[in-house]
Amino acid sequence: MNSIYDFIMKDVDGNMIPLSDYAGKVLLIVNTATGCGFTPQYEGLQDLYEKYKEQGLEILDFPCNQFGGQAPGSDEEIVDFCQSRYGVTFKQFSKIEVNGENEAPLYTFLKDQQGGMLGNKIKWNFTKFLVDRQGKVKSRYAPVDKPEKLESAIKELL
């Protein structure tokens, strides 16, 4: 795979979504969990989405249960939690793995593009990748980086 747009991912409704559907958009791709200390970042992500979606920001949420079993629910349970607790309206995908032999190829690609301090490992939930309108992975943010810290970088790409 040579581009972010080469990937097709399953959403929470079981639909296969080509990431080429997001060509021309600024993407924030996040591996998430509903029972994590960083889970309140859903609120900040939703705030960014509401503020910038009309300008072309899309947030792609990939729940992952690899870190401390902090996303144990079904896709439906995760969506219900996110919508009722944080009012999430951005795109949520089916649960995936982001490290190891069963990692989603999308995450292999993202890590190859922006390895970060841990190289080709995702450290924890809420690692964030920012992708420009041409599909280039521009930056990687650690779980401790709150969504509002990304706002200036997002505005620059919009």
N, C-alpha and C. Protein backbone atom coordinates (compact mmCIF):
# COMPACT_ATOMS: atom_id res chain seq x y z
N MET A 1 0.85 -1.18 0.00
CA MET A 1 0.00 0.00 0.00
C MET A 1 0.89 1.24 0.00
N ASN A 2 0.60 2.14 -0.90
CA ASN A 2 1.42 3.33 -1.05
C ASN A 2 0.78 4.61 -0.54
N SER A 3 -0.51 4.54 -0.24
CA SER A 3 -1.25 5.74 0.15
C SER A 3 -2.30 5.37 1.19
N ILE A 4 -2.63 6.32 2.01
CA ILE A 4 -3.70 6.13 2.99
C ILE A 4 -5.00 5.77 2.28
N TYR A 5 -5.12 6.26 1.03
CA TYR A 5 -6.34 6.04 0.26
C TYR A 5 -6.45 4.63 -0.32
N ASP A 6 -5.41 3.82 -0.16
CA ASP A 6 -5.44 2.44 -0.65
C ASP A 6 -6.17 1.50 0.31
N PHE A 7 -6.45 1.95 1.52
CA PHE A 7 -7.02 1.08 2.54
C PHE A 7 -8.54 1.11 2.53
N ILE A 8 -9.11 -0.05 2.88
CA ILE A 8 -10.56 -0.18 3.05
C ILE A 8 -10.76 -0.75 4.45
N MET A 9 -11.57 -0.06 5.24
CA MET A 9 -11.75 -0.43 6.64
C MET A 9 -13.23 -0.68 6.94
N LYS A 10 -13.48 -1.58 7.86
CA LYS A 10 -14.85 -1.92 8.25
C LYS A 10 -15.34 -0.96 9.32
N ASP A 11 -16.51 -0.35 9.06
CA ASP A 11 -17.08 0.54 10.07
C ASP A 11 -17.92 -0.25 11.07
N VAL A 12 -18.48 0.46 12.05
CA VAL A 12 -19.21 -0.21 13.12
C VAL A 12 -20.50 -0.88 12.65
N ASP A 13 -20.96 -0.51 11.45
CA ASP A 13 -22.15 -1.13 10.89
C ASP A 13 -21.83 -2.30 9.97
N GLY A 14 -20.53 -2.63 9.87
CA GLY A 14 -20.11 -3.74 9.03
C GLY A 14 -19.88 -3.37 7.58
N ASN A 15 -20.00 -2.09 7.25
CA ASN A 15 -19.76 -1.64 5.88
C ASN A 15 -18.26 -1.48 5.64
N MET A 16 -17.82 -1.83 4.45
CA MET A 16 -16.42 -1.66 4.08
C MET A 16 -16.29 -0.26 3.48
N ILE A 17 -15.48 0.57 4.12
CA ILE A 17 -15.35 1.98 3.75
C ILE A 17 -13.97 2.22 3.14
N PRO A 18 -13.91 2.58 1.86
CA PRO A 18 -12.62 2.92 1.26
C PRO A 18 -12.17 4.28 1.82
N LEU A 19 -10.94 4.33 2.31
CA LEU A 19 -10.46 5.60 2.83
C LEU A 19 -10.30 6.64 1.71
N SER A 20 -10.35 6.18 0.46
CA SER A 20 -10.36 7.13 -0.66
C SER A 20 -11.61 8.01 -0.62
N ASP A 21 -12.64 7.58 0.11
CA ASP A 21 -13.83 8.42 0.30
C ASP A 21 -13.47 9.73 0.99
N TYR A 22 -12.33 9.75 1.69
CA TYR A 22 -11.91 10.93 2.45
C TYR A 22 -10.84 11.75 1.73
N ALA A 23 -10.59 11.44 0.46
CA ALA A 23 -9.61 12.21 -0.32
C ALA A 23 -10.01 13.68 -0.30
N GLY A 24 -9.02 14.54 -0.11
CA GLY A 24 -9.27 15.97 -0.07
C GLY A 24 -9.65 16.50 1.30
N LYS A 25 -9.75 15.62 2.28
CA LYS A 25 -10.08 16.00 3.66
C LYS A 25 -8.81 15.94 4.51
N VAL A 26 -8.82 16.67 5.61
CA VAL A 26 -7.79 16.54 6.64
C VAL A 26 -8.30 15.47 7.60
N LEU A 27 -7.48 14.46 7.87
CA LEU A 27 -7.90 13.34 8.71
C LEU A 27 -7.14 13.33 10.03
N LEU A 28 -7.86 13.04 11.09
CA LEU A 28 -7.25 12.75 12.38
C LEU A 28 -7.66 11.32 12.71
N ILE A 29 -6.68 10.42 12.69
CA ILE A 29 -6.93 9.00 12.90
C ILE A 29 -6.47 8.65 14.31
N VAL A 30 -7.37 8.04 15.10
CA VAL A 30 -7.12 7.81 16.52
C VAL A 30 -7.52 6.39 16.91
N ASN A 31 -6.63 5.70 17.64
CA ASN A 31 -7.02 4.43 18.25
C ASN A 31 -7.55 4.76 19.66
N THR A 32 -8.73 4.28 19.96
CA THR A 32 -9.42 4.70 21.17
C THR A 32 -9.80 3.53 22.06
N ALA A 33 -10.27 3.88 23.26
CA ALA A 33 -10.80 2.88 24.20
C ALA A 33 -11.80 3.58 25.11
N THR A 34 -12.80 2.84 25.53
CA THR A 34 -13.86 3.43 26.34
C THR A 34 -13.59 3.38 27.84
N GLY A 35 -12.61 2.58 28.27
CA GLY A 35 -12.34 2.46 29.70
C GLY A 35 -10.94 2.88 30.08
N CYS A 36 -10.42 3.88 29.41
CA CYS A 36 -9.05 4.33 29.56
C CYS A 36 -9.02 5.67 30.30
N GLY A 37 -7.90 5.97 30.94
CA GLY A 37 -7.74 7.27 31.57
C GLY A 37 -7.82 8.41 30.57
N PHE A 38 -7.55 8.10 29.29
CA PHE A 38 -7.61 9.12 28.25
C PHE A 38 -8.98 9.20 27.57
N THR A 39 -9.92 8.36 27.97
CA THR A 39 -11.25 8.32 27.34
C THR A 39 -11.93 9.69 27.30
N PRO A 40 -11.75 10.55 28.32
CA PRO A 40 -12.37 11.88 28.22
C PRO A 40 -11.89 12.70 27.01
N GLN A 41 -10.83 12.26 26.33
CA GLN A 41 -10.41 12.95 25.11
C GLN A 41 -11.47 12.87 24.01
N TYR A 42 -12.41 11.95 24.13
CA TYR A 42 -13.52 11.92 23.17
C TYR A 42 -14.20 13.29 23.12
N GLU A 43 -14.33 13.94 24.26
CA GLU A 43 -14.97 15.25 24.31
C GLU A 43 -14.18 16.26 23.47
N GLY A 44 -12.87 16.29 23.63
CA GLY A 44 -12.03 17.20 22.86
C GLY A 44 -12.05 16.88 21.38
N LEU A 45 -12.05 15.59 21.05
CA LEU A 45 -12.13 15.18 19.65
C LEU A 45 -13.45 15.65 19.03
N GLN A 46 -14.54 15.46 19.75
CA GLN A 46 -15.84 15.89 19.25
C GLN A 46 -15.87 17.41 19.08
N ASP A 47 -15.27 18.14 20.02
CA ASP A 47 -15.22 19.60 19.90
C ASP A 47 -14.48 20.02 18.63
N LEU A 48 -13.32 19.39 18.37
CA LEU A 48 -12.56 19.69 17.15
C LEU A 48 -13.40 19.39 15.91
N TYR A 49 -14.07 18.25 15.94
CA TYR A 49 -14.87 17.83 14.79
C TYR A 49 -15.98 18.85 14.51
N GLU A 50 -16.69 19.23 15.56
CA GLU A 50 -17.78 20.19 15.37
C GLU A 50 -17.26 21.54 14.86
N LYS A 51 -16.11 21.93 15.34
CA LYS A 51 -15.54 23.23 14.98
C LYS A 51 -15.02 23.27 13.54
N TYR A 52 -14.48 22.14 13.05
CA TYR A 52 -13.78 22.15 11.76
C TYR A 52 -14.33 21.22 10.69
N LYS A 53 -15.40 20.49 10.96
CA LYS A 53 -15.90 19.54 9.95
C LYS A 53 -16.34 20.25 8.67
N GLU A 54 -16.91 21.43 8.80
CA GLU A 54 -17.38 22.16 7.61
C GLU A 54 -16.21 22.64 6.75
N GLN A 55 -15.02 22.73 7.37
CA GLN A 55 -13.82 23.14 6.63
C GLN A 55 -13.05 21.94 6.07
N GLY A 56 -13.52 20.72 6.39
CA GLY A 56 -12.91 19.54 5.80
C GLY A 56 -12.19 18.61 6.75
N LEU A 57 -12.41 18.74 8.06
CA LEU A 57 -11.80 17.81 9.01
C LEU A 57 -12.68 16.58 9.18
N GLU A 58 -12.06 15.41 9.13
CA GLU A 58 -12.74 14.16 9.47
C GLU A 58 -11.92 13.46 10.54
N ILE A 59 -12.61 12.94 11.55
CA ILE A 59 -11.96 12.16 12.60
C ILE A 59 -12.38 10.71 12.40
N LEU A 60 -11.39 9.83 12.33
CA LEU A 60 -11.64 8.40 12.13
C LEU A 60 -11.23 7.68 13.41
N ASP A 61 -12.20 7.07 14.06
CA ASP A 61 -12.04 6.45 15.37
C ASP A 61 -11.94 4.93 15.20
N PHE A 62 -10.80 4.39 15.68
CA PHE A 62 -10.57 2.95 15.62
C PHE A 62 -10.40 2.40 17.02
N PRO A 63 -11.47 1.89 17.64
CA PRO A 63 -11.34 1.30 18.97
C PRO A 63 -10.35 0.13 18.96
N CYS A 64 -9.62 0.01 20.06
CA CYS A 64 -8.61 -1.04 20.19
C CYS A 64 -8.59 -1.54 21.62
N ASN A 65 -8.62 -2.85 21.79
CA ASN A 65 -8.66 -3.46 23.12
C ASN A 65 -7.30 -4.03 23.52
N GLN A 66 -6.23 -3.65 22.84
CA GLN A 66 -4.91 -4.23 23.09
C GLN A 66 -4.21 -3.70 24.33
N PHE A 67 -4.66 -2.59 24.85
CA PHE A 67 -3.95 -1.95 25.96
C PHE A 67 -4.78 -2.05 27.23
N GLY A 68 -4.45 -3.02 28.06
CA GLY A 68 -5.14 -3.19 29.32
C GLY A 68 -6.59 -3.61 29.20
N GLY A 69 -7.00 -4.13 28.04
CA GLY A 69 -8.38 -4.55 27.86
C GLY A 69 -9.37 -3.42 28.08
N GLN A 70 -9.00 -2.21 27.65
CA GLN A 70 -9.80 -1.03 27.97
C GLN A 70 -10.89 -0.71 26.96
N ALA A 71 -11.07 -1.56 25.97
CA ALA A 71 -12.19 -1.41 25.02
C ALA A 71 -12.86 -2.78 24.86
N PRO A 72 -13.44 -3.28 25.95
CA PRO A 72 -13.92 -4.67 25.95
C PRO A 72 -15.25 -4.90 25.24
N GLY A 73 -16.02 -3.87 24.99
CA GLY A 73 -17.36 -4.05 24.47
C GLY A 73 -17.40 -4.39 22.99
N SER A 74 -18.61 -4.70 22.55
CA SER A 74 -18.85 -4.91 21.11
C SER A 74 -18.80 -3.55 20.43
N ASP A 75 -18.75 -3.57 19.09
CA ASP A 75 -18.78 -2.31 18.35
C ASP A 75 -20.01 -1.50 18.73
N GLU A 76 -21.15 -2.16 18.82
CA GLU A 76 -22.40 -1.48 19.16
C GLU A 76 -22.33 -0.86 20.56
N GLU A 77 -21.78 -1.59 21.52
CA GLU A 77 -21.66 -1.06 22.89
C GLU A 77 -20.72 0.14 22.94
N ILE A 78 -19.65 0.08 22.17
CA ILE A 78 -18.70 1.19 22.12
C ILE A 78 -19.36 2.43 21.54
N VAL A 79 -20.08 2.27 20.43
CA VAL A 79 -20.78 3.39 19.80
C VAL A 79 -21.81 3.97 20.76
N ASP A 80 -22.59 3.12 21.40
CA ASP A 80 -23.60 3.60 22.35
C ASP A 80 -22.95 4.42 23.46
N PHE A 81 -21.85 3.92 24.00
CA PHE A 81 -21.12 4.63 25.06
C PHE A 81 -20.65 6.00 24.57
N CYS A 82 -20.02 6.02 23.41
CA CYS A 82 -19.45 7.26 22.88
C CYS A 82 -20.51 8.29 22.55
N GLN A 83 -21.63 7.84 22.00
CA GLN A 83 -22.69 8.77 21.64
C GLN A 83 -23.43 9.28 22.87
N SER A 84 -23.71 8.40 23.82
CA SER A 84 -24.48 8.83 25.00
C SER A 84 -23.62 9.63 25.98
N ARG A 85 -22.37 9.28 26.11
CA ARG A 85 -21.50 9.94 27.09
C ARG A 85 -20.82 11.20 26.54
N TYR A 86 -20.41 11.16 25.27
CA TYR A 86 -19.63 12.27 24.71
C TYR A 86 -20.25 12.90 23.47
N GLY A 87 -21.41 12.43 23.04
CA GLY A 87 -22.08 13.01 21.89
C GLY A 87 -21.31 12.85 20.58
N VAL A 88 -20.55 11.77 20.47
CA VAL A 88 -19.70 11.55 19.30
C VAL A 88 -20.53 11.42 18.03
N THR A 89 -20.14 12.20 17.02
CA THR A 89 -20.80 12.13 15.72
C THR A 89 -19.80 11.84 14.59
N PHE A 90 -18.50 11.80 14.90
CA PHE A 90 -17.52 11.50 13.85
C PHE A 90 -17.51 10.00 13.57
N LYS A 91 -16.84 9.61 12.50
CA LYS A 91 -16.89 8.24 11.99
C LYS A 91 -16.20 7.26 12.94
N GLN A 92 -16.93 6.22 13.31
CA GLN A 92 -16.38 5.16 14.16
C GLN A 92 -16.31 3.86 13.35
N PHE A 93 -15.18 3.22 13.50
CA PHE A 93 -14.91 1.97 12.78
C PHE A 93 -14.94 0.79 13.74
N SER A 94 -14.93 -0.38 13.18
CA SER A 94 -14.92 -1.61 13.96
C SER A 94 -13.60 -1.72 14.72
N LYS A 95 -13.66 -2.41 15.83
CA LYS A 95 -12.47 -2.59 16.68
C LYS A 95 -11.35 -3.29 15.90
N ILE A 96 -10.12 -2.80 16.11
CA ILE A 96 -8.96 -3.36 15.42
C ILE A 96 -7.80 -3.55 16.41
N GLU A 97 -6.74 -4.17 15.91
CA GLU A 97 -5.48 -4.22 16.64
C GLU A 97 -4.50 -3.30 15.93
N VAL A 98 -3.67 -2.61 16.72
CA VAL A 98 -2.75 -1.63 16.16
C VAL A 98 -1.28 -2.04 16.28
N ASN A 99 -1.01 -3.13 16.97
CA ASN A 99 0.33 -3.69 17.12
C ASN A 99 0.27 -5.20 16.94
N GLY A 100 1.41 -5.78 16.57
CA GLY A 100 1.52 -7.24 16.58
C GLY A 100 1.12 -7.91 15.29
N GLU A 101 1.07 -9.23 15.35
CA GLU A 101 0.85 -10.02 14.13
C GLU A 101 -0.53 -9.83 13.53
N ASN A 102 -1.51 -9.38 14.33
CA ASN A 102 -2.86 -9.16 13.81
C ASN A 102 -3.19 -7.68 13.61
N GLU A 103 -2.15 -6.83 13.60
CA GLU A 103 -2.42 -5.40 13.46
C GLU A 103 -3.02 -5.09 12.09
N ALA A 104 -3.90 -4.10 12.10
CA ALA A 104 -4.52 -3.66 10.85
C ALA A 104 -3.45 -3.07 9.94
N PRO A 105 -3.45 -3.45 8.66
CA PRO A 105 -2.47 -2.90 7.72
C PRO A 105 -2.44 -1.37 7.69
N LEU A 106 -3.59 -0.74 7.95
CA LEU A 106 -3.62 0.71 8.03
C LEU A 106 -2.62 1.21 9.08
N TYR A 107 -2.58 0.54 10.22
CA TYR A 107 -1.69 0.98 11.29
C TYR A 107 -0.23 0.65 10.99
N THR A 108 0.01 -0.41 10.25
CA THR A 108 1.38 -0.67 9.79
C THR A 108 1.84 0.50 8.93
N PHE A 109 0.98 0.94 8.03
CA PHE A 109 1.28 2.07 7.16
C PHE A 109 1.50 3.35 7.96
N LEU A 110 0.59 3.66 8.87
CA LEU A 110 0.71 4.89 9.66
C LEU A 110 2.02 4.91 10.44
N LYS A 111 2.35 3.78 11.07
CA LYS A 111 3.59 3.71 11.85
C LYS A 111 4.82 3.81 10.97
N ASP A 112 4.75 3.24 9.77
CA ASP A 112 5.88 3.36 8.84
C ASP A 112 6.08 4.82 8.42
N GLN A 113 4.99 5.56 8.31
CA GLN A 113 5.07 6.97 7.89
C GLN A 113 5.54 7.89 9.01
N GLN A 114 5.09 7.61 10.22
CA GLN A 114 5.41 8.46 11.38
C GLN A 114 5.67 7.55 12.57
N GLY A 115 6.88 7.02 12.65
CA GLY A 115 7.22 6.06 13.69
C GLY A 115 7.15 6.60 15.10
N GLY A 116 7.59 7.83 15.30
CA GLY A 116 7.58 8.38 16.66
C GLY A 116 8.68 7.78 17.51
N MET A 117 8.65 8.10 18.78
CA MET A 117 9.72 7.68 19.70
C MET A 117 9.79 6.17 19.86
N LEU A 118 8.69 5.50 19.69
CA LEU A 118 8.67 4.05 19.88
C LEU A 118 8.83 3.30 18.56
N GLY A 119 9.20 4.01 17.52
CA GLY A 119 9.35 3.36 16.24
C GLY A 119 8.02 2.84 15.74
N ASN A 120 7.98 1.56 15.46
CA ASN A 120 6.76 0.98 14.89
C ASN A 120 5.85 0.35 15.94
N LYS A 121 5.75 0.96 17.08
CA LYS A 121 4.83 0.50 18.12
C LYS A 121 3.89 1.64 18.50
N ILE A 122 2.65 1.29 18.75
CA ILE A 122 1.72 2.24 19.35
C ILE A 122 1.85 2.01 20.85
N LYS A 123 2.07 3.07 21.59
CA LYS A 123 2.31 2.95 23.03
C LYS A 123 1.03 2.65 23.81
N TRP A 124 -0.07 3.33 23.43
CA TRP A 124 -1.29 3.21 24.22
C TRP A 124 -2.46 3.75 23.42
N ASN A 125 -3.63 3.68 24.01
CA ASN A 125 -4.84 4.24 23.42
C ASN A 125 -4.68 5.75 23.22
N PHE A 126 -5.38 6.26 22.23
CA PHE A 126 -5.43 7.69 21.92
C PHE A 126 -4.13 8.22 21.33
N THR A 127 -3.39 7.35 20.62
CA THR A 127 -2.32 7.82 19.75
C THR A 127 -3.02 8.40 18.52
N LYS A 128 -2.53 9.55 18.06
CA LYS A 128 -3.22 10.27 16.99
C LYS A 128 -2.29 10.50 15.81
N PHE A 129 -2.83 10.34 14.60
CA PHE A 129 -2.09 10.62 13.36
C PHE A 129 -2.87 11.68 12.59
N LEU A 130 -2.16 12.72 12.15
CA LEU A 130 -2.76 13.79 11.39
C LEU A 130 -2.33 13.66 9.93
N VAL A 131 -3.32 13.63 9.03
CA VAL A 131 -3.11 13.39 7.61
C VAL A 131 -3.61 14.61 6.83
N ASP A 132 -2.80 15.10 5.88
CA ASP A 132 -3.20 16.28 5.11
C ASP A 132 -4.18 15.93 3.99
N ARG A 133 -4.62 16.93 3.26
CA ARG A 133 -5.64 16.77 2.22
C ARG A 133 -5.16 15.91 1.05
N GLN A 134 -3.85 15.75 0.92
CA GLN A 134 -3.28 14.91 -0.15
C GLN A 134 -3.04 13.47 0.32
N GLY A 135 -3.38 13.18 1.58
CA GLY A 135 -3.22 11.84 2.10
C GLY A 135 -1.86 11.56 2.71
N LYS A 136 -1.05 12.59 2.91
CA LYS A 136 0.28 12.42 3.51
C LYS A 136 0.16 12.48 5.03
N VAL A 137 0.74 11.49 5.70
CA VAL A 137 0.74 11.46 7.16
C VAL A 137 1.75 12.51 7.63
N LYS A 138 1.23 13.58 8.23
CA LYS A 138 2.06 14.73 8.58
C LYS A 138 2.67 14.64 9.97
N SER A 139 1.94 14.11 10.93
CA SER A 139 2.45 14.07 12.30
C SER A 139 1.74 13.00 13.12
N ARG A 140 2.42 12.68 14.21
CA ARG A 140 1.93 11.69 15.16
C ARG A 140 1.95 12.33 16.54
N TYR A 141 0.91 12.06 17.30
CA TYR A 141 0.79 12.64 18.64
C TYR A 141 0.61 11.53 19.66
N ALA A 142 1.20 11.72 20.82
CA ALA A 142 1.15 10.73 21.90
C ALA A 142 -0.22 10.74 22.57
N PRO A 143 -0.54 9.67 23.28
CA PRO A 143 -1.80 9.62 24.02
C PRO A 143 -1.99 10.80 24.97
N VAL A 144 -0.92 11.28 25.58
CA VAL A 144 -1.04 12.38 26.54
C VAL A 144 -1.34 13.72 25.87
N ASP A 145 -1.15 13.80 24.55
CA ASP A 145 -1.44 15.04 23.82
C ASP A 145 -2.95 15.18 23.66
N LYS A 146 -3.50 16.15 24.36
CA LYS A 146 -4.95 16.37 24.30
C LYS A 146 -5.34 16.91 22.93
N PRO A 147 -6.55 16.59 22.49
CA PRO A 147 -6.98 17.04 21.15
C PRO A 147 -6.80 18.54 20.92
N GLU A 148 -7.06 19.36 21.93
CA GLU A 148 -6.93 20.79 21.73
C GLU A 148 -5.51 21.22 21.39
N LYS A 149 -4.52 20.41 21.77
CA LYS A 149 -3.12 20.71 21.43
C LYS A 149 -2.90 20.59 19.91
N LEU A 150 -3.73 19.84 19.24
CA LEU A 150 -3.59 19.62 17.79
C LEU A 150 -4.26 20.70 16.95
N GLU A 151 -5.02 21.57 17.59
CA GLU A 151 -5.86 22.52 16.85
C GLU A 151 -5.06 23.38 15.87
N SER A 152 -3.94 23.93 16.29
CA SER A 152 -3.19 24.80 15.38
C SER A 152 -2.66 24.02 14.18
N ALA A 153 -2.21 22.78 14.39
CA ALA A 153 -1.73 21.95 13.28
C ALA A 153 -2.88 21.62 12.32
N ILE A 154 -4.05 21.37 12.87
CA ILE A 154 -5.24 21.08 12.04
C ILE A 154 -5.61 22.31 11.22
N LYS A 155 -5.65 23.47 11.86
CA LYS A 155 -6.00 24.71 11.15
C LYS A 155 -5.02 24.99 10.03
N GLU A 156 -3.75 24.71 10.26
CA GLU A 156 -2.73 24.92 9.23
C GLU A 156 -2.99 24.06 7.99
N LEU A 157 -3.46 22.83 8.20
CA LEU A 157 -3.72 21.91 7.08
C LEU A 157 -5.05 22.20 6.38
N LEU A 158 -5.96 22.82 7.10
CA LEU A 158 -7.26 23.14 6.51
C LEU A 158 -7.12 24.32 5.56
